[in-house]
Amino acid sequence: MRSRKPGSRYPLLLYQRVMNRLWAPTLVLGLLLLLVWGWELYFNTPLVQAQSSIWTAAAGCVSLAFSLFAFLGRKVAYVQPFGDHLRLVTPFLRLNISYRRIRNSHPVIFQQLFPPKDASWSQRNLLAPFYGKTAVVVELTQYPMHPRLLRFFLAPQMFSPHTTGLVFLVPDWMAFSTELDSFWGSWRQTTESKPPQKTWKAKK
């Protein structure tokens, strides 16, 4: 029997939002640092001490590199259903979540999970475009890796605040929810319909 074709890739809107807010400021910072470093080369008038010049140039290069990464990485993050797992991908993370770990999935209004009144000003500014939108919460029996390590790669608002699970904000939550339920349901039917394996004993 041929394996089922993978589902669609659904971009992670919250991850895109974070990257969109980072690439422009880091680009400006990097250009300013390199401008300070290059001032001495062009005008022969140092703006910083000589021993700090190399660090200024290095910081500028790092800032520009991060800006490029954030700009290109905006479209890289996605979630995609497969025949026996749900795949979560970001520039630094490629995680396969086995359907054995999934308890259920359900839609929820995003601001019910993260009420604006409980958020700081910076958090409300970040999350404002998503208030009123519907997210899909995938509840898990346990995370596929240590939660502290997982939080290093994902935004805090991608974790369910009340249960063990992940919150997915995608452009078409209904299509994602329907497709995930279809793949997950097919996997459960296949798993439950498998006959128990027999244990053969050697004859004496």
N, C-alpha and C. Protein backbone atom coordinates (compact mmCIF):
# COMPACT_ATOMS: atom_id res chain seq x y z
N MET A 1 0.85 -1.20 0.00
CA MET A 1 0.00 0.00 0.00
C MET A 1 0.87 1.24 0.00
N ARG A 2 0.57 2.17 -0.91
CA ARG A 2 1.39 3.38 -1.00
C ARG A 2 1.05 4.34 0.13
N SER A 3 2.07 5.01 0.65
CA SER A 3 1.87 5.95 1.73
C SER A 3 1.14 7.18 1.23
N ARG A 4 0.41 7.82 2.11
CA ARG A 4 -0.39 8.98 1.75
C ARG A 4 0.51 10.19 1.49
N LYS A 5 0.13 10.96 0.49
CA LYS A 5 0.88 12.17 0.16
C LYS A 5 0.79 13.16 1.33
N PRO A 6 1.91 13.84 1.68
CA PRO A 6 1.87 14.82 2.79
C PRO A 6 0.86 15.93 2.53
N GLY A 7 0.41 16.53 3.62
CA GLY A 7 -0.54 17.62 3.52
C GLY A 7 0.12 18.93 3.12
N SER A 8 -0.65 19.99 3.15
CA SER A 8 -0.17 21.32 2.77
C SER A 8 0.74 21.90 3.85
N ARG A 9 1.57 22.84 3.44
CA ARG A 9 2.40 23.58 4.39
C ARG A 9 1.66 24.85 4.79
N TYR A 10 1.48 25.03 6.09
CA TYR A 10 0.75 26.19 6.61
C TYR A 10 1.74 27.12 7.32
N PRO A 11 1.97 28.33 6.78
CA PRO A 11 2.92 29.26 7.40
C PRO A 11 2.50 29.63 8.82
N LEU A 12 3.48 29.81 9.69
CA LEU A 12 3.24 30.21 11.07
C LEU A 12 3.23 31.73 11.16
N LEU A 13 2.06 32.31 11.32
CA LEU A 13 1.91 33.77 11.26
C LEU A 13 2.62 34.47 12.41
N LEU A 14 2.59 33.88 13.59
CA LEU A 14 3.23 34.52 14.74
C LEU A 14 4.75 34.57 14.55
N TYR A 15 5.32 33.50 14.02
CA TYR A 15 6.76 33.48 13.76
C TYR A 15 7.12 34.55 12.72
N GLN A 16 6.29 34.67 11.69
CA GLN A 16 6.53 35.70 10.67
C GLN A 16 6.49 37.09 11.29
N ARG A 17 5.54 37.29 12.19
CA ARG A 17 5.39 38.59 12.85
C ARG A 17 6.65 38.95 13.66
N VAL A 18 7.18 37.98 14.38
CA VAL A 18 8.38 38.22 15.17
C VAL A 18 9.56 38.57 14.27
N MET A 19 9.74 37.80 13.19
CA MET A 19 10.84 38.06 12.27
C MET A 19 10.68 39.40 11.56
N ASN A 20 9.45 39.77 11.22
CA ASN A 20 9.21 41.06 10.57
C ASN A 20 9.59 42.23 11.46
N ARG A 21 9.43 42.04 12.77
CA ARG A 21 9.75 43.12 13.71
C ARG A 21 11.24 43.18 14.03
N LEU A 22 11.99 42.16 13.63
CA LEU A 22 13.41 42.12 13.96
C LEU A 22 14.33 42.52 12.83
N TRP A 23 13.96 42.19 11.58
CA TRP A 23 14.94 42.34 10.51
C TRP A 23 15.26 43.80 10.22
N ALA A 24 14.27 44.70 10.24
CA ALA A 24 14.53 46.11 9.92
C ALA A 24 15.39 46.81 10.99
N PRO A 25 15.07 46.69 12.30
CA PRO A 25 15.92 47.34 13.31
C PRO A 25 17.36 46.82 13.31
N THR A 26 17.53 45.50 13.13
CA THR A 26 18.89 44.96 13.12
C THR A 26 19.65 45.40 11.87
N LEU A 27 18.93 45.62 10.77
CA LEU A 27 19.57 46.12 9.56
C LEU A 27 20.09 47.54 9.79
N VAL A 28 19.26 48.39 10.39
CA VAL A 28 19.67 49.76 10.68
C VAL A 28 20.84 49.78 11.66
N LEU A 29 20.76 48.96 12.70
CA LEU A 29 21.84 48.90 13.68
C LEU A 29 23.15 48.47 13.04
N GLY A 30 23.09 47.45 12.20
CA GLY A 30 24.29 46.97 11.54
C GLY A 30 24.92 48.02 10.63
N LEU A 31 24.08 48.73 9.89
CA LEU A 31 24.60 49.77 9.00
C LEU A 31 25.23 50.91 9.79
N LEU A 32 24.61 51.28 10.92
CA LEU A 32 25.17 52.35 11.75
C LEU A 32 26.52 51.96 12.34
N LEU A 33 26.62 50.72 12.80
CA LEU A 33 27.88 50.26 13.37
C LEU A 33 28.99 50.23 12.32
N LEU A 34 28.66 49.78 11.12
CA LEU A 34 29.66 49.76 10.06
C LEU A 34 30.00 51.17 9.60
N LEU A 35 29.03 52.09 9.69
CA LEU A 35 29.31 53.49 9.35
C LEU A 35 30.30 54.09 10.33
N VAL A 36 30.10 53.79 11.63
CA VAL A 36 31.04 54.28 12.64
C VAL A 36 32.43 53.71 12.40
N TRP A 37 32.48 52.41 12.08
CA TRP A 37 33.78 51.78 11.83
C TRP A 37 34.45 52.34 10.57
N GLY A 38 33.65 52.59 9.53
CA GLY A 38 34.23 53.07 8.27
C GLY A 38 34.53 54.55 8.26
N TRP A 39 34.06 55.27 9.26
CA TRP A 39 34.30 56.72 9.31
C TRP A 39 35.80 57.01 9.34
N GLU A 40 36.53 56.22 10.14
CA GLU A 40 37.97 56.45 10.26
C GLU A 40 38.68 56.17 8.94
N LEU A 41 38.23 55.14 8.22
CA LEU A 41 38.88 54.80 6.96
C LEU A 41 38.70 55.90 5.92
N TYR A 42 37.53 56.53 5.93
CA TYR A 42 37.23 57.52 4.90
C TYR A 42 37.72 58.92 5.28
N PHE A 43 37.48 59.31 6.53
CA PHE A 43 37.82 60.67 6.96
C PHE A 43 39.09 60.72 7.80
N ASN A 44 39.65 59.57 8.13
CA ASN A 44 40.85 59.50 8.96
C ASN A 44 40.63 60.16 10.31
N THR A 45 39.38 60.07 10.79
CA THR A 45 39.02 60.62 12.10
C THR A 45 38.23 59.57 12.86
N PRO A 46 38.84 58.87 13.82
CA PRO A 46 38.15 57.78 14.52
C PRO A 46 37.03 58.31 15.42
N LEU A 47 35.90 57.62 15.40
CA LEU A 47 34.78 57.97 16.29
C LEU A 47 34.80 57.13 17.56
N VAL A 48 35.58 56.03 17.56
CA VAL A 48 35.72 55.19 18.74
C VAL A 48 37.20 54.92 18.96
N GLN A 49 37.53 54.41 20.12
CA GLN A 49 38.91 54.10 20.41
C GLN A 49 39.41 52.99 19.48
N ALA A 50 40.68 53.01 19.22
CA ALA A 50 41.26 52.06 18.25
C ALA A 50 41.00 50.62 18.64
N GLN A 51 41.11 50.31 19.95
CA GLN A 51 40.93 48.93 20.39
C GLN A 51 39.47 48.48 20.28
N SER A 52 38.56 49.46 20.19
CA SER A 52 37.14 49.12 20.06
C SER A 52 36.68 49.05 18.62
N SER A 53 37.52 49.50 17.70
CA SER A 53 37.12 49.57 16.30
C SER A 53 36.80 48.20 15.71
N ILE A 54 37.63 47.21 16.01
CA ILE A 54 37.41 45.88 15.45
C ILE A 54 36.14 45.26 15.99
N TRP A 55 35.83 45.54 17.27
CA TRP A 55 34.60 45.02 17.85
C TRP A 55 33.37 45.69 17.27
N THR A 56 33.50 46.96 16.93
CA THR A 56 32.39 47.67 16.29
C THR A 56 32.09 47.06 14.92
N ALA A 57 33.15 46.77 14.16
CA ALA A 57 32.97 46.16 12.84
C ALA A 57 32.36 44.76 12.98
N ALA A 58 32.83 44.00 13.96
CA ALA A 58 32.30 42.64 14.15
C ALA A 58 30.82 42.68 14.54
N ALA A 59 30.48 43.61 15.44
CA ALA A 59 29.08 43.72 15.85
C ALA A 59 28.19 44.13 14.68
N GLY A 60 28.71 45.01 13.83
CA GLY A 60 27.95 45.42 12.65
C GLY A 60 27.70 44.26 11.70
N CYS A 61 28.71 43.43 11.50
CA CYS A 61 28.56 42.27 10.60
C CYS A 61 27.58 41.26 11.18
N VAL A 62 27.66 41.03 12.49
CA VAL A 62 26.73 40.10 13.13
C VAL A 62 25.30 40.61 13.02
N SER A 63 25.12 41.90 13.24
CA SER A 63 23.78 42.49 13.16
C SER A 63 23.21 42.38 11.75
N LEU A 64 24.04 42.63 10.74
CA LEU A 64 23.59 42.50 9.36
C LEU A 64 23.27 41.05 9.01
N ALA A 65 24.08 40.14 9.51
CA ALA A 65 23.83 38.72 9.24
C ALA A 65 22.51 38.27 9.86
N PHE A 66 22.24 38.74 11.09
CA PHE A 66 20.98 38.38 11.74
C PHE A 66 19.81 39.01 11.00
N SER A 67 19.98 40.23 10.51
CA SER A 67 18.92 40.90 9.75
C SER A 67 18.58 40.10 8.49
N LEU A 68 19.61 39.62 7.80
CA LEU A 68 19.39 38.82 6.60
C LEU A 68 18.70 37.51 6.95
N PHE A 69 19.12 36.89 8.04
CA PHE A 69 18.49 35.65 8.48
C PHE A 69 17.01 35.88 8.80
N ALA A 70 16.70 36.96 9.53
CA ALA A 70 15.32 37.24 9.91
C ALA A 70 14.47 37.53 8.67
N PHE A 71 15.04 38.25 7.71
CA PHE A 71 14.30 38.59 6.49
C PHE A 71 13.98 37.34 5.68
N LEU A 72 14.98 36.47 5.51
CA LEU A 72 14.77 35.26 4.71
C LEU A 72 14.00 34.19 5.48
N GLY A 73 14.12 34.21 6.81
CA GLY A 73 13.50 33.17 7.61
C GLY A 73 12.02 33.38 7.86
N ARG A 74 11.49 34.53 7.44
CA ARG A 74 10.07 34.81 7.68
C ARG A 74 9.17 33.77 7.04
N LYS A 75 9.53 33.30 5.85
CA LYS A 75 8.67 32.39 5.10
C LYS A 75 9.05 30.92 5.28
N VAL A 76 10.04 30.67 6.14
CA VAL A 76 10.53 29.30 6.29
C VAL A 76 9.69 28.51 7.29
N ALA A 77 9.14 29.16 8.28
CA ALA A 77 8.44 28.46 9.36
C ALA A 77 7.05 28.01 8.89
N TYR A 78 6.75 26.73 9.14
CA TYR A 78 5.45 26.20 8.75
C TYR A 78 5.14 24.95 9.57
N VAL A 79 3.89 24.52 9.49
CA VAL A 79 3.45 23.27 10.08
C VAL A 79 2.77 22.46 8.98
N GLN A 80 3.00 21.14 8.97
CA GLN A 80 2.53 20.30 7.86
C GLN A 80 2.15 18.91 8.36
N PRO A 81 0.91 18.47 8.09
CA PRO A 81 0.52 17.11 8.48
C PRO A 81 1.14 16.06 7.56
N PHE A 82 1.56 14.94 8.16
CA PHE A 82 2.04 13.78 7.42
C PHE A 82 1.22 12.56 7.82
N GLY A 83 1.56 11.43 7.22
CA GLY A 83 0.77 10.23 7.47
C GLY A 83 0.78 9.76 8.92
N ASP A 84 1.91 9.92 9.61
CA ASP A 84 2.00 9.44 10.99
C ASP A 84 2.53 10.49 11.96
N HIS A 85 2.68 11.72 11.51
CA HIS A 85 3.18 12.77 12.40
C HIS A 85 2.82 14.15 11.87
N LEU A 86 2.95 15.13 12.74
CA LEU A 86 2.79 16.54 12.39
C LEU A 86 4.16 17.18 12.41
N ARG A 87 4.55 17.79 11.30
CA ARG A 87 5.90 18.36 11.21
C ARG A 87 5.85 19.86 11.48
N LEU A 88 6.73 20.32 12.38
CA LEU A 88 6.88 21.73 12.71
C LEU A 88 8.29 22.16 12.31
N VAL A 89 8.37 23.19 11.46
CA VAL A 89 9.66 23.61 10.92
C VAL A 89 9.86 25.10 11.12
N THR A 90 11.04 25.46 11.64
CA THR A 90 11.51 26.84 11.68
C THR A 90 12.96 26.81 11.17
N PRO A 91 13.60 27.96 10.96
CA PRO A 91 14.99 27.93 10.47
C PRO A 91 15.95 27.11 11.32
N PHE A 92 15.70 27.02 12.64
CA PHE A 92 16.60 26.28 13.52
C PHE A 92 15.97 25.03 14.11
N LEU A 93 14.76 24.70 13.69
CA LEU A 93 14.06 23.58 14.30
C LEU A 93 13.30 22.80 13.24
N ARG A 94 13.44 21.49 13.28
CA ARG A 94 12.67 20.58 12.41
C ARG A 94 12.18 19.46 13.31
N LEU A 95 10.91 19.54 13.70
CA LEU A 95 10.37 18.68 14.73
C LEU A 95 9.21 17.86 14.19
N ASN A 96 9.30 16.54 14.35
CA ASN A 96 8.21 15.63 13.98
C ASN A 96 7.46 15.22 15.24
N ILE A 97 6.19 15.59 15.31
CA ILE A 97 5.35 15.29 16.46
C ILE A 97 4.50 14.07 16.12
N SER A 98 4.80 12.94 16.72
CA SER A 98 4.06 11.72 16.45
C SER A 98 2.60 11.87 16.84
N TYR A 99 1.70 11.29 16.05
CA TYR A 99 0.28 11.34 16.38
C TYR A 99 -0.02 10.60 17.68
N ARG A 100 0.89 9.75 18.13
CA ARG A 100 0.70 9.08 19.41
C ARG A 100 0.70 10.08 20.56
N ARG A 101 1.34 11.21 20.37
CA ARG A 101 1.42 12.21 21.42
C ARG A 101 0.21 13.15 21.44
N ILE A 102 -0.59 13.15 20.38
CA ILE A 102 -1.69 14.10 20.27
C ILE A 102 -2.93 13.58 21.01
N ARG A 103 -3.47 14.38 21.90
CA ARG A 103 -4.69 14.04 22.63
C ARG A 103 -5.92 14.52 21.86
N ASN A 104 -5.87 15.76 21.39
CA ASN A 104 -6.95 16.32 20.58
C ASN A 104 -6.49 17.63 19.98
N SER A 105 -7.28 18.17 19.07
CA SER A 105 -7.01 19.49 18.50
C SER A 105 -8.34 20.22 18.38
N HIS A 106 -8.31 21.52 18.60
CA HIS A 106 -9.55 22.28 18.55
C HIS A 106 -9.24 23.75 18.26
N PRO A 107 -10.18 24.45 17.59
CA PRO A 107 -9.99 25.88 17.33
C PRO A 107 -10.35 26.72 18.55
N VAL A 108 -9.73 27.88 18.69
CA VAL A 108 -10.02 28.79 19.79
C VAL A 108 -9.67 30.21 19.35
N ILE A 109 -10.44 31.17 19.82
CA ILE A 109 -10.13 32.57 19.54
C ILE A 109 -8.83 32.93 20.27
N PHE A 110 -7.88 33.49 19.54
CA PHE A 110 -6.54 33.69 20.08
C PHE A 110 -6.54 34.53 21.35
N GLN A 111 -7.33 35.57 21.40
CA GLN A 111 -7.29 36.46 22.56
C GLN A 111 -7.91 35.82 23.80
N GLN A 112 -8.63 34.69 23.64
CA GLN A 112 -9.10 33.96 24.80
C GLN A 112 -7.95 33.23 25.48
N LEU A 113 -6.94 32.87 24.69
CA LEU A 113 -5.76 32.23 25.27
C LEU A 113 -4.84 33.25 25.91
N PHE A 114 -4.69 34.40 25.24
CA PHE A 114 -3.78 35.45 25.71
C PHE A 114 -4.54 36.77 25.74
N PRO A 115 -5.33 37.00 26.80
CA PRO A 115 -6.14 38.23 26.88
C PRO A 115 -5.28 39.48 26.85
N PRO A 116 -5.68 40.50 26.10
CA PRO A 116 -4.90 41.75 26.03
C PRO A 116 -4.72 42.41 27.39
N LYS A 117 -5.70 42.26 28.28
CA LYS A 117 -5.60 42.92 29.58
C LYS A 117 -4.50 42.33 30.45
N ASP A 118 -4.09 41.10 30.15
CA ASP A 118 -3.05 40.45 30.93
C ASP A 118 -1.67 40.61 30.31
N ALA A 119 -1.60 41.26 29.14
CA ALA A 119 -0.33 41.38 28.42
C ALA A 119 0.31 42.74 28.68
N SER A 120 1.62 42.79 28.57
CA SER A 120 2.34 44.06 28.67
C SER A 120 2.13 44.86 27.39
N TRP A 121 2.58 46.11 27.40
CA TRP A 121 2.41 46.95 26.22
C TRP A 121 3.13 46.36 25.01
N SER A 122 4.33 45.87 25.20
CA SER A 122 5.09 45.31 24.09
C SER A 122 4.43 44.04 23.56
N GLN A 123 3.88 43.22 24.47
CA GLN A 123 3.20 42.00 24.04
C GLN A 123 1.93 42.33 23.26
N ARG A 124 1.16 43.31 23.72
CA ARG A 124 -0.05 43.70 23.00
C ARG A 124 0.30 44.24 21.62
N ASN A 125 1.40 44.98 21.53
CA ASN A 125 1.84 45.51 20.25
C ASN A 125 2.19 44.38 19.29
N LEU A 126 2.84 43.35 19.80
CA LEU A 126 3.21 42.21 18.98
C LEU A 126 1.99 41.41 18.54
N LEU A 127 1.05 41.21 19.44
CA LEU A 127 -0.07 40.31 19.19
C LEU A 127 -1.30 40.99 18.62
N ALA A 128 -1.30 42.31 18.53
CA ALA A 128 -2.48 43.06 18.09
C ALA A 128 -3.10 42.54 16.79
N PRO A 129 -2.31 42.21 15.75
CA PRO A 129 -2.93 41.75 14.50
C PRO A 129 -3.67 40.42 14.62
N PHE A 130 -3.43 39.69 15.72
CA PHE A 130 -4.01 38.36 15.86
C PHE A 130 -5.23 38.31 16.78
N TYR A 131 -5.50 39.41 17.49
CA TYR A 131 -6.68 39.43 18.33
C TYR A 131 -7.93 39.35 17.45
N GLY A 132 -8.80 38.43 17.77
CA GLY A 132 -9.99 38.20 16.96
C GLY A 132 -9.82 37.08 15.96
N LYS A 133 -8.59 36.64 15.71
CA LYS A 133 -8.35 35.53 14.79
C LYS A 133 -8.49 34.20 15.53
N THR A 134 -8.69 33.15 14.76
CA THR A 134 -8.84 31.81 15.31
C THR A 134 -7.53 31.04 15.16
N ALA A 135 -7.11 30.41 16.24
CA ALA A 135 -5.92 29.56 16.23
C ALA A 135 -6.34 28.11 16.45
N VAL A 136 -5.45 27.20 16.15
CA VAL A 136 -5.69 25.78 16.38
C VAL A 136 -4.77 25.31 17.50
N VAL A 137 -5.35 24.81 18.57
CA VAL A 137 -4.58 24.28 19.69
C VAL A 137 -4.47 22.77 19.54
N VAL A 138 -3.26 22.27 19.52
CA VAL A 138 -3.01 20.83 19.45
C VAL A 138 -2.53 20.40 20.84
N GLU A 139 -3.38 19.71 21.58
CA GLU A 139 -3.03 19.25 22.92
C GLU A 139 -2.24 17.95 22.83
N LEU A 140 -1.20 17.86 23.66
CA LEU A 140 -0.28 16.73 23.62
C LEU A 140 -0.25 16.01 24.96
N THR A 141 0.09 14.73 24.92
CA THR A 141 0.33 14.00 26.17
C THR A 141 1.63 14.49 26.81
N GLN A 142 2.61 14.81 25.97
CA GLN A 142 3.86 15.42 26.42
C GLN A 142 4.56 16.01 25.20
N TYR A 143 5.45 16.96 25.45
CA TYR A 143 6.18 17.59 24.36
C TYR A 143 7.22 16.61 23.80
N PRO A 144 7.50 16.69 22.50
CA PRO A 144 8.47 15.78 21.89
C PRO A 144 9.92 16.07 22.28
N MET A 145 10.17 17.19 22.94
CA MET A 145 11.49 17.50 23.48
C MET A 145 11.29 18.32 24.74
N HIS A 146 12.34 18.53 25.50
CA HIS A 146 12.20 19.25 26.77
C HIS A 146 11.59 20.63 26.53
N PRO A 147 10.56 21.00 27.30
CA PRO A 147 9.89 22.29 27.08
C PRO A 147 10.82 23.50 27.12
N ARG A 148 11.82 23.48 28.01
CA ARG A 148 12.75 24.61 28.09
C ARG A 148 13.54 24.77 26.80
N LEU A 149 13.95 23.65 26.23
CA LEU A 149 14.68 23.71 24.96
C LEU A 149 13.75 24.12 23.83
N LEU A 150 12.53 23.64 23.85
CA LEU A 150 11.56 23.98 22.81
C LEU A 150 11.22 25.47 22.84
N ARG A 151 11.14 26.04 24.04
CA ARG A 151 10.83 27.46 24.17
C ARG A 151 11.96 28.35 23.66
N PHE A 152 13.15 27.78 23.53
CA PHE A 152 14.27 28.53 22.98
C PHE A 152 14.06 28.82 21.50
N PHE A 153 13.29 27.96 20.80
CA PHE A 153 13.09 28.09 19.37
C PHE A 153 11.74 28.73 19.00
N LEU A 154 10.77 28.69 19.91
CA LEU A 154 9.42 29.15 19.59
C LEU A 154 9.00 30.30 20.50
N ALA A 155 8.11 31.13 20.00
CA ALA A 155 7.59 32.25 20.78
C ALA A 155 6.73 31.73 21.94
N PRO A 156 6.69 32.44 23.06
CA PRO A 156 5.89 31.97 24.21
C PRO A 156 4.42 31.76 23.87
N GLN A 157 3.89 32.57 22.95
CA GLN A 157 2.48 32.46 22.59
C GLN A 157 2.17 31.28 21.68
N MET A 158 3.18 30.47 21.36
CA MET A 158 2.94 29.24 20.60
C MET A 158 2.72 28.05 21.52
N PHE A 159 2.74 28.31 22.86
CA PHE A 159 2.49 27.26 23.84
C PHE A 159 1.14 27.51 24.50
N SER A 160 0.35 26.49 24.61
CA SER A 160 -0.95 26.61 25.27
C SER A 160 -0.75 26.97 26.73
N PRO A 161 -1.40 28.04 27.21
CA PRO A 161 -1.17 28.48 28.60
C PRO A 161 -1.87 27.61 29.64
N HIS A 162 -2.83 26.80 29.23
CA HIS A 162 -3.61 26.03 30.19
C HIS A 162 -3.37 24.53 30.11
N THR A 163 -2.83 24.05 29.01
CA THR A 163 -2.61 22.62 28.85
C THR A 163 -1.23 22.38 28.22
N THR A 164 -0.83 21.13 28.16
CA THR A 164 0.37 20.77 27.43
C THR A 164 0.01 20.72 25.95
N GLY A 165 0.49 21.68 25.19
CA GLY A 165 0.12 21.72 23.79
C GLY A 165 0.71 22.93 23.09
N LEU A 166 0.50 22.98 21.77
CA LEU A 166 1.02 24.04 20.92
C LEU A 166 -0.11 24.80 20.26
N VAL A 167 0.12 26.09 20.04
CA VAL A 167 -0.87 26.96 19.43
C VAL A 167 -0.38 27.35 18.05
N PHE A 168 -1.20 27.07 17.04
CA PHE A 168 -0.82 27.35 15.66
C PHE A 168 -1.73 28.42 15.06
N LEU A 169 -1.14 29.56 14.74
CA LEU A 169 -1.82 30.63 14.00
C LEU A 169 -1.39 30.51 12.55
N VAL A 170 -2.32 30.13 11.69
CA VAL A 170 -2.03 29.93 10.27
C VAL A 170 -3.03 30.74 9.44
N PRO A 171 -2.71 30.99 8.16
CA PRO A 171 -3.62 31.81 7.34
C PRO A 171 -5.01 31.21 7.20
N ASP A 172 -5.13 29.89 7.12
CA ASP A 172 -6.43 29.23 6.96
C ASP A 172 -6.56 28.16 8.04
N TRP A 173 -7.06 28.57 9.20
CA TRP A 173 -7.14 27.65 10.32
C TRP A 173 -8.10 26.50 10.05
N MET A 174 -9.18 26.77 9.30
CA MET A 174 -10.16 25.74 9.04
C MET A 174 -9.58 24.62 8.17
N ALA A 175 -8.83 25.01 7.12
CA ALA A 175 -8.22 24.01 6.24
C ALA A 175 -7.18 23.19 7.01
N PHE A 176 -6.38 23.87 7.84
CA PHE A 176 -5.37 23.16 8.63
C PHE A 176 -6.02 22.20 9.61
N SER A 177 -7.05 22.65 10.31
CA SER A 177 -7.73 21.81 11.29
C SER A 177 -8.37 20.60 10.63
N THR A 178 -9.01 20.83 9.47
CA THR A 178 -9.66 19.73 8.76
C THR A 178 -8.64 18.72 8.26
N GLU A 179 -7.54 19.21 7.72
CA GLU A 179 -6.51 18.31 7.18
C GLU A 179 -5.83 17.53 8.30
N LEU A 180 -5.54 18.20 9.40
CA LEU A 180 -4.92 17.51 10.53
C LEU A 180 -5.85 16.43 11.07
N ASP A 181 -7.13 16.73 11.22
CA ASP A 181 -8.08 15.73 11.70
C ASP A 181 -8.16 14.54 10.75
N SER A 182 -8.08 14.82 9.45
CA SER A 182 -8.14 13.75 8.46
C SER A 182 -6.93 12.82 8.57
N PHE A 183 -5.74 13.41 8.63
CA PHE A 183 -4.52 12.60 8.74
C PHE A 183 -4.49 11.85 10.07
N TRP A 184 -4.83 12.54 11.13
CA TRP A 184 -4.79 11.92 12.46
C TRP A 184 -5.82 10.80 12.55
N GLY A 185 -7.03 11.03 12.00
CA GLY A 185 -8.07 10.01 12.01
C GLY A 185 -7.68 8.79 11.20
N SER A 186 -7.09 9.01 10.02
CA SER A 186 -6.65 7.89 9.19
C SER A 186 -5.57 7.08 9.90
N TRP A 187 -4.66 7.78 10.57
CA TRP A 187 -3.60 7.09 11.31
C TRP A 187 -4.19 6.24 12.43
N ARG A 188 -5.17 6.76 13.15
CA ARG A 188 -5.78 6.00 14.24
C ARG A 188 -6.52 4.77 13.72
N GLN A 189 -7.23 4.93 12.60
CA GLN A 189 -7.93 3.79 12.03
C GLN A 189 -6.95 2.70 11.61
N THR A 190 -5.85 3.12 10.98
CA THR A 190 -4.84 2.15 10.54
C THR A 190 -4.21 1.45 11.73
N THR A 191 -3.93 2.22 12.78
CA THR A 191 -3.28 1.65 13.96
C THR A 191 -4.21 0.68 14.69
N GLU A 192 -5.48 1.07 14.82
CA GLU A 192 -6.43 0.23 15.55
C GLU A 192 -6.81 -1.02 14.79
N SER A 193 -6.71 -0.96 13.45
CA SER A 193 -7.12 -2.11 12.63
C SER A 193 -6.03 -3.15 12.46
N LYS A 194 -4.81 -2.82 12.92
CA LYS A 194 -3.71 -3.78 12.79
C LYS A 194 -3.93 -4.94 13.73
N PRO A 195 -3.84 -6.18 13.24
CA PRO A 195 -4.01 -7.35 14.13
C PRO A 195 -2.84 -7.47 15.09
N PRO A 196 -3.07 -8.00 16.28
CA PRO A 196 -1.95 -8.17 17.24
C PRO A 196 -0.94 -9.15 16.71
N GLN A 197 0.31 -8.88 16.97
CA GLN A 197 1.37 -9.75 16.50
C GLN A 197 1.42 -11.02 17.35
N LYS A 198 1.59 -12.16 16.68
CA LYS A 198 1.66 -13.45 17.37
C LYS A 198 3.09 -13.74 17.81
N THR A 199 3.19 -14.34 18.93
CA THR A 199 4.50 -14.74 19.44
C THR A 199 4.65 -16.24 19.27
N TRP A 200 5.60 -16.65 18.48
CA TRP A 200 5.80 -18.06 18.19
C TRP A 200 6.84 -18.65 19.14
N LYS A 201 6.49 -19.77 19.70
CA LYS A 201 7.40 -20.48 20.59
C LYS A 201 8.04 -21.64 19.86
N ALA A 202 9.32 -21.79 20.07
CA ALA A 202 10.02 -22.90 19.42
C ALA A 202 9.58 -24.23 20.01
N LYS A 203 9.37 -25.20 19.14
CA LYS A 203 8.96 -26.53 19.61
C LYS A 203 10.13 -27.27 20.27
N LYS A 204 9.82 -27.96 21.33
CA LYS A 204 10.86 -28.72 22.01
C LYS A 204 11.10 -30.04 21.28
